[in-house]
Protein backbone atom coordinates (compact mmCIF):
# COMPACT_ATOMS: atom_id res chain seq x y z
CA MET A 1 0.00 0.00 0.00
CA LYS A 2 2.83 2.39 0.86
CA LYS A 3 4.59 1.69 -2.43
CA GLN A 4 1.39 2.36 -4.40
CA LEU A 5 0.85 5.65 -2.56
CA THR A 6 4.43 6.71 -3.32
CA ILE A 7 3.99 5.90 -7.01
CA LEU A 8 0.66 7.74 -7.09
CA LEU A 9 2.21 10.83 -5.48
CA PHE A 10 5.15 10.71 -7.89
CA VAL A 11 2.86 10.45 -10.94
CA GLY A 12 0.65 13.25 -9.62
CA LEU A 13 3.64 15.52 -9.01
CA TRP A 14 5.00 14.70 -12.45
CA LEU A 15 1.66 15.56 -14.07
CA VAL A 16 1.46 18.86 -12.20
CA LEU A 17 5.01 19.81 -13.20
CA MET A 18 4.40 18.87 -16.84
CA GLY A 19 1.19 20.92 -16.84
CA LEU A 20 3.09 23.90 -15.46
CA ALA A 21 5.89 23.45 -17.99
CA LEU A 22 3.47 23.29 -20.90
CA SER A 23 1.60 26.37 -19.71
CA LEU A 24 4.71 28.57 -19.72
CA PRO A 25 4.72 31.27 -22.40
CA ASN A 26 6.79 30.81 -25.53
CA ILE A 27 9.80 33.10 -25.13
CA ALA A 28 11.84 31.84 -28.07
CA GLY A 29 10.83 34.78 -30.25
CA ALA A 30 10.72 37.36 -27.48
CA GLN A 31 14.07 38.96 -28.24
CA VAL A 32 13.16 42.62 -28.44
CA GLY A 33 14.68 45.89 -27.37
CA PRO A 34 18.34 46.84 -27.31
CA ALA A 35 19.56 43.39 -28.30
CA ASP A 36 17.87 43.56 -31.69
CA TYR A 37 19.32 47.00 -32.35
CA VAL A 38 22.84 45.88 -31.41
CA ILE A 39 22.68 42.71 -33.50
CA GLU A 40 21.39 44.55 -36.56
CA ASN A 41 23.59 47.68 -36.33
CA ALA A 42 26.84 46.57 -34.67
CA LEU A 43 28.80 46.50 -37.91
CA THR A 44 27.63 49.90 -39.13
CA ASP A 45 27.86 51.62 -35.73
CA THR A 46 31.24 50.29 -34.62
CA GLY A 47 32.92 48.76 -37.64
CA ALA A 48 33.60 45.56 -35.68
CA PHE A 49 32.71 42.24 -37.27
CA ASN A 50 32.43 40.58 -33.85
CA VAL A 51 29.20 41.67 -32.15
CA ILE A 52 30.39 40.73 -28.65
CA ALA A 53 33.62 42.68 -29.04
CA SER A 54 31.67 45.69 -30.26
CA VAL A 55 29.39 45.56 -27.22
CA ILE A 56 32.32 45.32 -24.81
CA THR A 57 34.53 47.95 -26.44
CA ASP A 58 32.04 50.44 -27.87
CA TYR A 59 28.54 50.21 -26.45
CA ARG A 60 29.64 49.46 -22.86
CA ALA A 61 33.15 50.93 -22.84
CA PHE A 62 32.79 52.88 -19.58
CA ASP A 63 31.29 49.87 -17.83
CA THR A 64 34.17 47.69 -19.01
CA LEU A 65 36.66 50.35 -17.88
CA GLY A 66 35.05 50.40 -14.42
CA GLU A 67 35.15 46.62 -14.14
CA THR A 68 38.81 46.59 -15.16
CA LEU A 69 39.63 49.30 -12.61
CA ILE A 70 37.88 47.36 -9.83
CA LEU A 71 39.75 44.18 -10.79
CA PHE A 72 43.09 46.02 -10.84
CA VAL A 73 42.50 47.64 -7.44
CA SER A 74 41.46 44.27 -5.98
CA ILE A 75 44.61 42.59 -7.25
CA VAL A 76 46.82 45.39 -5.90
CA CYS A 77 45.11 45.15 -2.49
CA VAL A 78 45.52 41.38 -2.29
CA LEU A 79 49.17 41.57 -3.33
CA SER A 80 49.87 44.32 -0.79
CA ILE A 81 48.30 42.24 1.98
CA LEU A 82 50.17 39.08 1.02
CA HIS A 83 53.53 40.79 0.46
CA ARG A 84 56.00 40.22 3.27
CA PRO A 85 58.85 42.72 3.46
CA LYS A 86 62.31 41.22 3.71
CA GLU A 87 63.90 41.44 7.12
CA GLU A 88 66.99 43.60 7.30
CA SER A 89 70.07 41.84 8.56
CA ARG A 90 71.44 43.27 11.80
CA GLY A 91 75.04 42.84 12.38
């Protein structure tokens, strides 16, 4: 009886999850907004054949510069914490 109840619960849960999955909206064709503009106009706006490179270097240049600056400062801080000065020899 316990095994049948477990199987029944599993099948019921599976049916509910499949019903939910099938009721989700179709988002395959929902690409709208800035992405469409960038994909269509990247070559003419930036002259770059690679769309990703044009986004990183032209459309989001200041954002990339900020991320690079934060990474550089983080590396300098970690290196300054881990650096041990050499002991001077006393003689």
